[in-house]
């Protein structure tokens, strides 16, 4: 099984988790939907990691269900910022150390302020990227919150 910074952090912290791999189709750019379909789980239980830029220019991370749209205003407010925009993709990759479609909330080059959609807490386990396209981790949402030092809030657009 492939080892990534995300899986190494989980193993080092002795956090129970499972790694799930599937064949990523390079023509697909809806990475989260592809992961949910490949693993046969609800898209509500598979969480995507989006990098945002806060009003002060600092980057942060928003983790939300793949089927949902991010409310930048809600994410910014949860992180104590008046506003946020989507981060430049190249800057997001450089800062996290991961490629788009494989950005994990875990094991980034440095821990960024993180907000996780509160819907994660309704599941016994959630899925998120393990740090590579075609590789997902399932773990308890409370463990994900703890490891990322995240706040939880409703950050999806209605």
C-alpha atoms as a PDB file:
ATOM      1  CA  UNK A   1       0.000   0.000   0.000  1.00  0.00           C
ATOM      2  CA  UNK A   2       1.265   3.479  -0.850  1.00  0.00           C
ATOM      3  CA  UNK A   3       2.637   5.511   2.012  1.00  0.00           C
ATOM      4  CA  UNK A   4       1.979   9.261   2.062  1.00  0.00           C
ATOM      5  CA  UNK A   5       2.586  12.000   4.643  1.00  0.00           C
ATOM      6  CA  UNK A   6      -1.104  11.622   5.610  1.00  0.00           C
ATOM      7  CA  UNK A   7      -0.885   7.865   6.240  1.00  0.00           C
ATOM      8  CA  UNK A   8       2.423   8.287   8.079  1.00  0.00           C
ATOM      9  CA  UNK A   9       0.862  10.811  10.493  1.00  0.00           C
ATOM     10  CA  UNK A  10      -2.046   8.468  11.210  1.00  0.00           C
ATOM     11  CA  UNK A  11       0.255   5.509  11.810  1.00  0.00           C
ATOM     12  CA  UNK A  12       2.626   7.535  14.005  1.00  0.00           C
ATOM     13  CA  UNK A  13      -0.311   8.795  16.101  1.00  0.00           C
ATOM     14  CA  UNK A  14      -1.707   5.234  16.286  1.00  0.00           C
ATOM     15  CA  UNK A  15      -5.066   6.469  14.958  1.00  0.00           C
ATOM     16  CA  UNK A  16      -7.272   3.649  13.650  1.00  0.00           C
ATOM     17  CA  UNK A  17      -7.834   4.141   9.940  1.00  0.00           C
ATOM     18  CA  UNK A  18      -8.112   2.270   6.667  1.00  0.00           C
ATOM     19  CA  UNK A  19      -6.520   3.147   3.354  1.00  0.00           C
ATOM     20  CA  UNK A  20      -8.627   2.569   0.243  1.00  0.00           C
ATOM     21  CA  UNK A  21      -7.179   2.638  -3.236  1.00  0.00           C
ATOM     22  CA  UNK A  22      -8.887   2.710  -6.613  1.00  0.00           C
ATOM     23  CA  UNK A  23      -7.784   3.269 -10.178  1.00  0.00           C
ATOM     24  CA  UNK A  24      -7.942   7.008 -10.840  1.00  0.00           C
ATOM     25  CA  UNK A  25      -9.012   7.890 -14.380  1.00  0.00           C
ATOM     26  CA  UNK A  26      -6.804  10.836 -15.463  1.00  0.00           C
ATOM     27  CA  UNK A  27      -9.674  12.153 -17.618  1.00  0.00           C
ATOM     28  CA  UNK A  28     -11.827  12.645 -14.504  1.00  0.00           C
ATOM     29  CA  UNK A  29     -11.543  15.965 -12.672  1.00  0.00           C
ATOM     30  CA  UNK A  30     -14.384  15.431 -10.213  1.00  0.00           C
ATOM     31  CA  UNK A  31     -12.045  13.581  -7.861  1.00  0.00           C
ATOM     32  CA  UNK A  32     -14.415  13.263  -4.903  1.00  0.00           C
ATOM     33  CA  UNK A  33     -17.292  11.902  -6.956  1.00  0.00           C
ATOM     34  CA  UNK A  34     -14.914   9.424  -8.565  1.00  0.00           C
ATOM     35  CA  UNK A  35     -13.730   8.298  -5.109  1.00  0.00           C
ATOM     36  CA  UNK A  36     -17.287   7.867  -3.765  1.00  0.00           C
ATOM     37  CA  UNK A  37     -18.348   5.848  -6.812  1.00  0.00           C
ATOM     38  CA  UNK A  38     -15.192   3.706  -6.831  1.00  0.00           C
ATOM     39  CA  UNK A  39     -15.555   2.879  -3.133  1.00  0.00           C
ATOM     40  CA  UNK A  40     -19.331   2.433  -3.265  1.00  0.00           C
ATOM     41  CA  UNK A  41     -20.037   4.931  -0.478  1.00  0.00           C
ATOM     42  CA  UNK A  42     -22.321   7.947  -0.237  1.00  0.00           C
ATOM     43  CA  UNK A  43     -20.849  11.189  -1.546  1.00  0.00           C
ATOM     44  CA  UNK A  44     -22.064  12.760   1.722  1.00  0.00           C
ATOM     45  CA  UNK A  45     -19.499  10.659   3.605  1.00  0.00           C
ATOM     46  CA  UNK A  46     -16.554  11.477   1.313  1.00  0.00           C
ATOM     47  CA  UNK A  47     -14.942  14.820   2.135  1.00  0.00           C
ATOM     48  CA  UNK A  48     -12.931  17.042  -0.182  1.00  0.00           C
ATOM     49  CA  UNK A  49     -10.137  19.338   0.939  1.00  0.00           C
ATOM     50  CA  UNK A  50     -10.212  22.850  -0.490  1.00  0.00           C
ATOM     51  CA  UNK A  51      -7.504  25.422   0.112  1.00  0.00           C
ATOM     52  CA  UNK A  52      -8.761  28.963   0.616  1.00  0.00           C
ATOM     53  CA  UNK A  53      -7.057  32.306   1.114  1.00  0.00           C
ATOM     54  CA  UNK A  54      -8.266  34.423   4.015  1.00  0.00           C
ATOM     55  CA  UNK A  55      -8.552  38.218   4.033  1.00  0.00           C
ATOM     56  CA  UNK A  56      -5.060  38.558   5.575  1.00  0.00           C
ATOM     57  CA  UNK A  57      -3.540  36.574   2.684  1.00  0.00           C
ATOM     58  CA  UNK A  58      -2.929  33.445   4.774  1.00  0.00           C
ATOM     59  CA  UNK A  59      -4.030  30.069   3.476  1.00  0.00           C
ATOM     60  CA  UNK A  60      -6.494  27.813   5.273  1.00  0.00           C
ATOM     61  CA  UNK A  61      -8.279  24.544   4.603  1.00  0.00           C
ATOM     62  CA  UNK A  62     -11.984  23.788   4.270  1.00  0.00           C
ATOM     63  CA  UNK A  63     -13.092  20.142   4.418  1.00  0.00           C
ATOM     64  CA  UNK A  64     -16.612  19.384   3.220  1.00  0.00           C
ATOM     65  CA  UNK A  65     -18.703  16.683   1.500  1.00  0.00           C
ATOM     66  CA  UNK A  66     -17.741  16.207  -2.151  1.00  0.00           C
ATOM     67  CA  UNK A  67     -21.337  16.709  -3.282  1.00  0.00           C
ATOM     68  CA  UNK A  68     -21.605  20.103  -1.544  1.00  0.00           C
ATOM     69  CA  UNK A  69     -20.501  23.569  -2.570  1.00  0.00           C
ATOM     70  CA  UNK A  70     -18.338  25.603  -0.217  1.00  0.00           C
ATOM     71  CA  UNK A  71     -19.724  28.783   1.313  1.00  0.00           C
ATOM     72  CA  UNK A  72     -16.577  30.923   1.355  1.00  0.00           C
ATOM     73  CA  UNK A  73     -18.328  33.392   3.675  1.00  0.00           C
ATOM     74  CA  UNK A  74     -19.194  30.666   6.211  1.00  0.00           C
ATOM     75  CA  UNK A  75     -15.714  29.130   6.058  1.00  0.00           C
ATOM     76  CA  UNK A  76     -14.086  32.542   6.526  1.00  0.00           C
ATOM     77  CA  UNK A  77     -16.348  33.362   9.476  1.00  0.00           C
ATOM     78  CA  UNK A  78     -15.587  29.998  11.137  1.00  0.00           C
ATOM     79  CA  UNK A  79     -11.876  30.812  10.870  1.00  0.00           C
ATOM     80  CA  UNK A  80     -12.300  34.379  12.180  1.00  0.00           C
ATOM     81  CA  UNK A  81     -11.821  36.149   8.845  1.00  0.00           C
ATOM     82  CA  UNK A  82     -14.180  38.660   7.216  1.00  0.00           C
ATOM     83  CA  UNK A  83     -13.849  36.952   3.825  1.00  0.00           C
ATOM     84  CA  UNK A  84     -12.082  34.256   1.845  1.00  0.00           C
ATOM     85  CA  UNK A  85     -11.429  33.357  -1.775  1.00  0.00           C
ATOM     86  CA  UNK A  86     -10.293  30.108  -3.359  1.00  0.00           C
ATOM     87  CA  UNK A  87      -6.506  29.873  -3.216  1.00  0.00           C
ATOM     88  CA  UNK A  88      -4.424  29.933  -6.352  1.00  0.00           C
ATOM     89  CA  UNK A  89      -4.069  26.244  -7.356  1.00  0.00           C
ATOM     90  CA  UNK A  90      -0.268  26.441  -7.751  1.00  0.00           C
ATOM     91  CA  UNK A  91       0.062  28.127  -4.334  1.00  0.00           C
ATOM     92  CA  UNK A  92      -2.228  25.477  -2.781  1.00  0.00           C
ATOM     93  CA  UNK A  93      -0.057  22.681  -4.175  1.00  0.00           C
ATOM     94  CA  UNK A  94       3.196  24.377  -3.139  1.00  0.00           C
ATOM     95  CA  UNK A  95       1.954  25.091   0.392  1.00  0.00           C
ATOM     96  CA  UNK A  96       0.400  21.670   1.087  1.00  0.00           C
ATOM     97  CA  UNK A  97       2.904  19.499  -0.773  1.00  0.00           C
ATOM     98  CA  UNK A  98       0.062  17.688  -2.522  1.00  0.00           C
ATOM     99  CA  UNK A  99      -1.347  17.801  -6.078  1.00  0.00           C
ATOM    100  CA  UNK A 100      -4.869  19.015  -6.824  1.00  0.00           C
ATOM    101  CA  UNK A 101      -7.299  16.138  -6.472  1.00  0.00           C
ATOM    102  CA  UNK A 102      -4.972  14.600  -3.904  1.00  0.00           C
ATOM    103  CA  UNK A 103      -4.759  17.307  -1.248  1.00  0.00           C
ATOM    104  CA  UNK A 104      -5.257  15.667   2.113  1.00  0.00           C
ATOM    105  CA  UNK A 105      -6.248  17.583   5.232  1.00  0.00           C
ATOM    106  CA  UNK A 106      -3.544  15.504   6.964  1.00  0.00           C
ATOM    107  CA  UNK A 107       0.225  15.602   6.519  1.00  0.00           C
ATOM    108  CA  UNK A 108       0.518  18.942   4.775  1.00  0.00           C
ATOM    109  CA  UNK A 109       3.927  20.634   4.771  1.00  0.00           C
ATOM    110  CA  UNK A 110       2.659  22.781   7.638  1.00  0.00           C
ATOM    111  CA  UNK A 111      -0.597  22.698   9.514  1.00  0.00           C
ATOM    112  CA  UNK A 112      -2.978  25.306   8.099  1.00  0.00           C
ATOM    113  CA  UNK A 113      -6.019  26.658   9.962  1.00  0.00           C
ATOM    114  CA  UNK A 114      -8.763  24.131   9.175  1.00  0.00           C
ATOM    115  CA  UNK A 115     -12.548  24.105   9.270  1.00  0.00           C
ATOM    116  CA  UNK A 116     -14.453  20.850   8.779  1.00  0.00           C
ATOM    117  CA  UNK A 117     -18.130  20.857   7.873  1.00  0.00           C
ATOM    118  CA  UNK A 118     -20.100  19.798  10.938  1.00  0.00           C
ATOM    119  CA  UNK A 119     -21.949  17.136   8.903  1.00  0.00           C
ATOM    120  CA  UNK A 120     -18.789  14.993   9.291  1.00  0.00           C
ATOM    121  CA  UNK A 121     -19.700  14.476  12.934  1.00  0.00           C
ATOM    122  CA  UNK A 122     -22.901  12.637  11.940  1.00  0.00           C
ATOM    123  CA  UNK A 123     -20.956   9.686  10.493  1.00  0.00           C
ATOM    124  CA  UNK A 124     -19.114   6.917  12.367  1.00  0.00           C
ATOM    125  CA  UNK A 125     -16.345   7.220   9.759  1.00  0.00           C
ATOM    126  CA  UNK A 126     -15.563   9.674   6.988  1.00  0.00           C
ATOM    127  CA  UNK A 127     -13.363   9.399   3.928  1.00  0.00           C
ATOM    128  CA  UNK A 128     -10.809  11.976   2.804  1.00  0.00           C
ATOM    129  CA  UNK A 129      -7.837  12.032   0.494  1.00  0.00           C
ATOM    130  CA  UNK A 130      -4.778  10.125   1.616  1.00  0.00           C
ATOM    131  CA  UNK A 131      -2.577  12.494  -0.379  1.00  0.00           C
ATOM    132  CA  UNK A 132      -2.711  10.945  -3.849  1.00  0.00           C
ATOM    133  CA  UNK A 133      -5.366  10.713  -6.516  1.00  0.00           C
ATOM    134  CA  UNK A 134      -6.877   7.253  -6.198  1.00  0.00           C
ATOM    135  CA  UNK A 135      -6.057   6.914  -2.493  1.00  0.00           C
ATOM    136  CA  UNK A 136      -8.520   7.638   0.323  1.00  0.00           C
ATOM    137  CA  UNK A 137      -8.421   7.239   4.112  1.00  0.00           C
ATOM    138  CA  UNK A 138     -11.389   6.367   6.297  1.00  0.00           C
ATOM    139  CA  UNK A 139     -11.261   7.398   9.950  1.00  0.00           C
ATOM    140  CA  UNK A 140     -13.418   8.683  12.784  1.00  0.00           C
ATOM    141  CA  UNK A 141     -14.409  12.309  12.216  1.00  0.00           C
ATOM    142  CA  UNK A 142     -13.327  13.162  15.781  1.00  0.00           C
ATOM    143  CA  UNK A 143      -9.815  11.896  14.959  1.00  0.00           C
ATOM    144  CA  UNK A 144      -9.727  14.028  11.804  1.00  0.00           C
ATOM    145  CA  UNK A 145     -10.785  17.106  13.805  1.00  0.00           C
ATOM    146  CA  UNK A 146      -8.186  16.402  16.495  1.00  0.00           C
ATOM    147  CA  UNK A 147      -5.264  15.782  14.117  1.00  0.00           C
ATOM    148  CA  UNK A 148      -5.981  18.881  12.024  1.00  0.00           C
ATOM    149  CA  UNK A 149      -6.781  21.038  15.095  1.00  0.00           C
ATOM    150  CA  UNK A 150      -9.914  22.001  13.175  1.00  0.00           C
ATOM    151  CA  UNK A 151     -12.988  23.922  14.107  1.00  0.00           C
ATOM    152  CA  UNK A 152     -16.310  22.519  12.929  1.00  0.00           C
ATOM    153  CA  UNK A 153     -19.053  24.640  11.413  1.00  0.00           C
ATOM    154  CA  UNK A 154     -21.690  24.577   8.714  1.00  0.00           C
ATOM    155  CA  UNK A 155     -19.645  25.657   5.670  1.00  0.00           C
ATOM    156  CA  UNK A 156     -21.730  24.409   2.767  1.00  0.00           C
ATOM    157  CA  UNK A 157     -23.750  26.714   0.526  1.00  0.00           C
ATOM    158  CA  UNK A 158     -27.461  26.015   0.636  1.00  0.00           C
END
